[in-house]
Amino acid sequence: MVDPHHVAHWYPTAAYLYVFWLDALALAWEYLRRHPDYRLDWLRCHHRPQAAQEAAHRWGLRLLEDPILDARDAHPAWLPGHAAVVQLYPDADPPQDAAAFAFWRIPGHKQLLHDGKGLALIARSPGHCLRFALAPGLEDGMAVAYAHRGGTAAPARSQAPGAALVDAKPRPIPSALLELHTLQALDATLAGASLREIGEGLFGVDAVADWYSDGGLRSKVRRLVRRGDELMCGGYRRLAQLPPLEKGRFEDDAKRP
């Protein structure tokens, strides 16, 4: 039976259903915020601006974000580089059929925030998360040009204001169910649960009836635990399209469980 002391927050799978709607950047935050050393940096540094900025950069962020907040409420300001972020600029020489920046026509729940460098817009809807970096001077109703990172800016031409922005799709994410199980297994591990307890929590009591047989469910749970630890301890940087950690002290620290 599962130890009730390990159950509090990770056992109900329903608590992780929001993971189905996360894009790669949001998933990166979910793994990073669970890292014990990141949580320690937040406690030590978030009220000291200089120390907080240095700590944030080591983790791939511009600013430290509160690890208590999950991806539905957090707004982590990642260092630049992710291809999912669309850059929006006022079109200095728009054609007659140029699309206008139509803030309220962008689908989904919209959030504006300043990430420490500029104004960012996040628009979330089931299965999609659109992310934009807004250039200074861009206002609602202006002709807009957009660019994907690594590409060249081009006028966003469309008869329907905002329609071109809807076409901006985030980078495809891995299987949502795999991410849900990985995060649930990671939380269980951090709470001190055994592999069998994790298997029961994720797949049910009946599924662990033959737990002691070789392979099967036991191996699957072990792989989920290993995957979660790897993503928390640096692997999240691949999801955020950040360079891997450099060799040195911080890399060793980040690999600590």
Foldseek 3Di string as FASTA:
>chain_A
DWDPLLCVPQQDLVVLVCLQFDALLLLLLLLQLPQPVLQVQCVVPLVPVVSQCVSQVLVQFRGRWHSVDHSVPIDTHGDDDFQQEKEKDFDPDDDPQFAWAAPVPADADWDWDQRPPAIKIWGGDGNFIHIYTYDPPRDGGGRMWMDGPVGDIDTQGDNDHPPSSNPRGHDHDPDSVLSSLLSSLQSSVVSPTDLLSSLCSVPNPVLCPVVPDPDDSSVVSVVSNVVSLVSSLFVSCVSVVHDTRDDDDVSVVSSDD
